[in-house]
Amino acid sequence: MKNTITTEIQLTETKITFCYGAKSYKKYMKKEHMLKDRLINAGVTNILTKSNGEYCIVLAVKKIEDIYALKGISVHEISHAVSDWMEHFGFDCDEVRSYTLQMLYLEFMIFLDNQLNENK
């Protein structure tokens, strides 16, 4: 799906999806989770449990012109995702938090940079 990337935290096999833009978020939520949801604020983090019990996280950020604000909002939402993931699985280790945040940030920002370069 365009403007969407899914990665997995291998430690717990948790899928985390990052959607760039309100349209891609709405489309992804409808297709993958059968939910009608909109991106109202600049960013959102949704924690979902599928009918088969699979725990997953969906992040989304609106398309905005200011690259620094866009990346700031993205890391803000990634931080929420990591906090919820750690709480869900009972992790209480700053190193786990830091490495997970770093891994997700790198993967999602490379994706975001590629999306921004495609739209130039």
Protein backbone atom coordinates (compact mmCIF):
# COMPACT_ATOMS: atom_id res chain seq x y z
CA MET A 1 0.00 0.00 0.00
CA LYS A 2 1.43 3.37 -1.01
CA ASN A 3 2.63 5.65 1.80
CA THR A 4 2.54 2.75 4.28
CA ILE A 5 5.27 0.53 5.71
CA THR A 6 5.01 -2.36 8.15
CA THR A 7 7.90 -3.67 10.19
CA GLU A 8 8.17 -6.22 12.97
CA ILE A 9 9.76 -6.13 16.38
CA GLN A 10 11.29 -9.60 16.23
CA LEU A 11 11.57 -10.01 19.99
CA THR A 12 7.78 -10.27 20.29
CA GLU A 13 6.75 -10.64 16.63
CA THR A 14 4.78 -7.40 16.92
CA LYS A 15 3.85 -5.74 13.64
CA ILE A 16 4.10 -1.96 13.60
CA THR A 17 2.71 0.01 10.67
CA PHE A 18 3.59 3.60 9.81
CA CYS A 19 1.19 5.52 7.55
CA TYR A 20 2.21 8.78 5.93
CA GLY A 21 -0.86 10.94 5.34
CA ALA A 22 -4.51 10.94 6.34
CA LYS A 23 -5.67 9.10 3.20
CA SER A 24 -3.20 6.26 3.56
CA TYR A 25 -4.11 5.88 7.25
CA LYS A 26 -7.86 5.76 6.54
CA LYS A 27 -7.35 3.27 3.70
CA TYR A 28 -5.03 1.05 5.77
CA MET A 29 -7.33 0.96 8.80
CA LYS A 30 -10.32 0.04 6.65
CA LYS A 31 -8.51 -2.65 4.64
CA GLU A 32 -6.41 -4.27 7.37
CA HIS A 33 -8.54 -3.76 10.49
CA MET A 34 -12.03 -3.14 9.11
CA LEU A 35 -12.20 0.09 11.09
CA LYS A 36 -13.41 3.49 9.96
CA ASP A 37 -10.91 5.85 11.47
CA ARG A 38 -9.64 9.28 10.50
CA LEU A 39 -6.45 11.14 11.23
CA ILE A 40 -7.73 14.30 12.88
CA ASN A 41 -4.64 15.54 14.72
CA ALA A 42 -1.09 15.82 13.37
CA GLY A 43 -0.35 12.24 14.45
CA VAL A 44 -1.88 9.18 16.06
CA THR A 45 -0.85 5.86 17.58
CA ASN A 46 -3.39 3.03 17.70
CA ILE A 47 -2.90 -0.16 19.67
CA LEU A 48 -5.00 -2.98 18.21
CA THR A 49 -5.69 -6.60 18.94
CA LYS A 50 -6.96 -8.59 15.98
CA SER A 51 -9.62 -11.27 16.32
CA ASN A 52 -6.88 -13.93 16.28
CA GLY A 53 -5.27 -12.27 19.33
CA GLU A 54 -2.42 -10.65 17.37
CA TYR A 55 -1.22 -7.45 19.02
CA CYS A 56 -0.26 -4.73 16.54
CA ILE A 57 0.42 -1.01 16.45
CA VAL A 58 -0.49 1.53 13.79
CA LEU A 59 1.10 4.99 13.64
CA ALA A 60 0.14 7.80 11.32
CA VAL A 61 1.26 11.35 10.65
CA LYS A 62 -0.35 13.98 8.48
CA LYS A 63 1.46 15.31 5.45
CA ILE A 64 2.89 18.66 6.44
CA GLU A 65 5.44 20.90 4.72
CA ASP A 66 7.82 21.49 7.65
CA ILE A 67 10.18 18.49 7.56
CA TYR A 68 11.42 19.09 11.11
CA ALA A 69 7.90 19.22 12.51
CA LEU A 70 6.99 16.12 10.47
CA LYS A 71 9.92 14.13 11.85
CA GLY A 72 9.30 15.49 15.34
CA ILE A 73 5.67 14.35 15.25
CA SER A 74 6.83 11.00 13.88
CA VAL A 75 9.29 10.37 16.72
CA HIS A 76 6.60 11.50 19.19
CA GLU A 77 4.22 8.82 17.85
CA ILE A 78 6.99 6.21 17.68
CA SER A 79 7.73 6.94 21.35
CA HIS A 80 4.08 6.30 22.25
CA ALA A 81 4.20 3.03 20.30
CA VAL A 82 7.35 1.87 22.10
CA SER A 83 5.88 2.78 25.51
CA ASP A 84 2.69 0.84 24.82
CA TRP A 85 4.64 -2.12 23.41
CA MET A 86 6.90 -2.26 26.48
CA GLU A 87 3.96 -2.05 28.86
CA HIS A 88 2.03 -4.74 26.97
CA PHE A 89 4.92 -7.20 27.12
CA GLY A 90 6.11 -6.24 30.60
CA PHE A 91 9.50 -4.80 29.62
CA ASP A 92 11.10 -2.39 32.07
CA CYS A 93 14.53 -1.67 30.62
CA ASP A 94 15.78 1.65 29.31
CA GLU A 95 18.19 -0.08 26.89
CA VAL A 96 15.34 -2.05 25.30
CA ARG A 97 13.35 1.19 24.97
CA SER A 98 16.27 3.07 23.42
CA TYR A 99 17.25 0.39 20.90
CA THR A 100 13.64 -0.22 19.87
CA LEU A 101 12.99 3.51 19.44
CA GLN A 102 16.19 3.85 17.40
CA MET A 103 15.35 0.87 15.17
CA LEU A 104 11.83 2.11 14.44
CA TYR A 105 12.93 5.70 13.90
CA LEU A 106 15.61 4.69 11.40
CA GLU A 107 13.32 2.38 9.46
CA PHE A 108 10.40 4.80 9.35
CA MET A 109 12.52 7.89 8.56
CA ILE A 110 14.26 6.15 5.64
CA PHE A 111 10.79 5.25 4.36
CA LEU A 112 9.53 8.80 4.94
CA ASP A 113 12.54 10.35 3.19
CA ASN A 114 11.93 8.07 0.20
CA GLN A 115 8.25 9.10 0.11
CA LEU A 116 9.16 12.78 0.24
CA ASN A 117 11.74 12.36 -2.55
CA GLU A 118 9.19 10.56 -4.75
CA ASN A 119 6.72 13.41 -4.37
CA LYS A 120 9.19 16.12 -5.47
